[in-house]
Amino acid sequence: MNGQNRNNIKPGLEVDIVLKQDQRSGKLTRGTVKDLLTKSSNHPHGIKVRLQDGQVGRVKNIHKREE
């Protein structure tokens, strides 16, 4: 799944995001979604989220949980 559609992203999901300061390098940060910050249903650069640790960035990858 990609991080451009808001429907794919829910609090509690593990995702890779790009932080604002890492946009040039493309460095990814992994974490768990706390809040969705983008209001529109999709965004070409990825839905903006806040992670549990407070970091904010745009979702690039969504990880499936092994259950």
Protein backbone atom coordinates (compact mmCIF):
# COMPACT_ATOMS: atom_id res chain seq x y z
CA MET A 1 0.00 0.00 0.00
CA ASN A 2 1.18 3.50 -0.63
CA GLY A 3 0.90 6.48 1.67
CA GLN A 4 -0.96 8.78 -0.74
CA ASN A 5 -4.50 7.66 0.16
CA ARG A 6 -5.91 8.64 3.55
CA ASN A 7 -8.15 5.52 3.58
CA ASN A 8 -5.05 3.28 3.81
CA ILE A 9 -3.72 4.94 6.97
CA LYS A 10 -5.10 4.45 10.48
CA PRO A 11 -3.76 5.21 13.95
CA GLY A 12 -1.69 2.29 15.20
CA LEU A 13 -0.24 1.34 11.79
CA GLU A 14 3.52 1.04 11.39
CA VAL A 15 4.74 3.33 8.60
CA ASP A 16 7.86 4.87 7.08
CA ILE A 17 7.73 8.66 6.84
CA VAL A 18 9.97 11.37 5.42
CA LEU A 19 10.57 14.17 7.91
CA LYS A 20 10.66 17.77 6.63
CA GLN A 21 14.43 18.03 7.18
CA ASP A 22 15.00 14.71 5.35
CA GLN A 23 13.04 15.55 2.17
CA ARG A 24 16.19 16.27 0.14
CA SER A 25 17.97 13.07 1.19
CA GLY A 26 14.83 10.91 1.20
CA LYS A 27 15.83 9.34 4.53
CA LEU A 28 12.93 7.35 6.01
CA THR A 29 11.89 7.21 9.65
CA ARG A 30 9.82 4.27 10.92
CA GLY A 31 7.16 4.66 13.56
CA THR A 32 3.57 4.10 14.62
CA VAL A 33 0.83 6.52 13.50
CA LYS A 34 -0.79 8.56 16.28
CA ASP A 35 -2.71 11.23 14.29
CA LEU A 36 -3.53 11.93 10.64
CA LEU A 37 -2.83 15.59 9.84
CA THR A 38 -3.82 15.75 6.16
CA LYS A 39 -7.56 16.39 5.79
CA SER A 40 -7.91 15.62 2.06
CA SER A 41 -8.56 12.04 0.91
CA ASN A 42 -5.24 11.87 -0.95
CA HIS A 43 -2.02 13.81 -1.41
CA PRO A 44 0.62 13.33 -4.13
CA HIS A 45 3.56 13.53 -1.68
CA GLY A 46 1.96 11.31 0.96
CA ILE A 47 -0.48 11.83 3.83
CA LYS A 48 1.02 13.88 6.66
CA VAL A 49 0.94 12.08 10.03
CA ARG A 50 2.19 12.48 13.59
CA LEU A 51 3.93 9.42 15.03
CA GLN A 52 3.57 8.17 18.62
CA ASP A 53 6.92 9.83 19.45
CA GLY A 54 5.71 13.22 18.14
CA GLN A 55 7.63 13.32 14.84
CA VAL A 56 5.69 14.66 11.85
CA GLY A 57 6.19 13.66 8.23
CA ARG A 58 4.62 12.29 5.05
CA VAL A 59 3.91 8.57 4.71
CA LYS A 60 5.99 6.76 2.08
CA ASN A 61 5.43 3.09 3.04
CA ILE A 62 2.85 1.22 5.09
CA HIS A 63 3.92 -1.99 6.84
CA LYS A 64 1.60 -4.93 7.33
CA ARG A 65 1.43 -6.20 10.87
CA GLU A 66 2.10 -9.89 11.38
CA GLU A 67 -0.85 -11.21 13.33
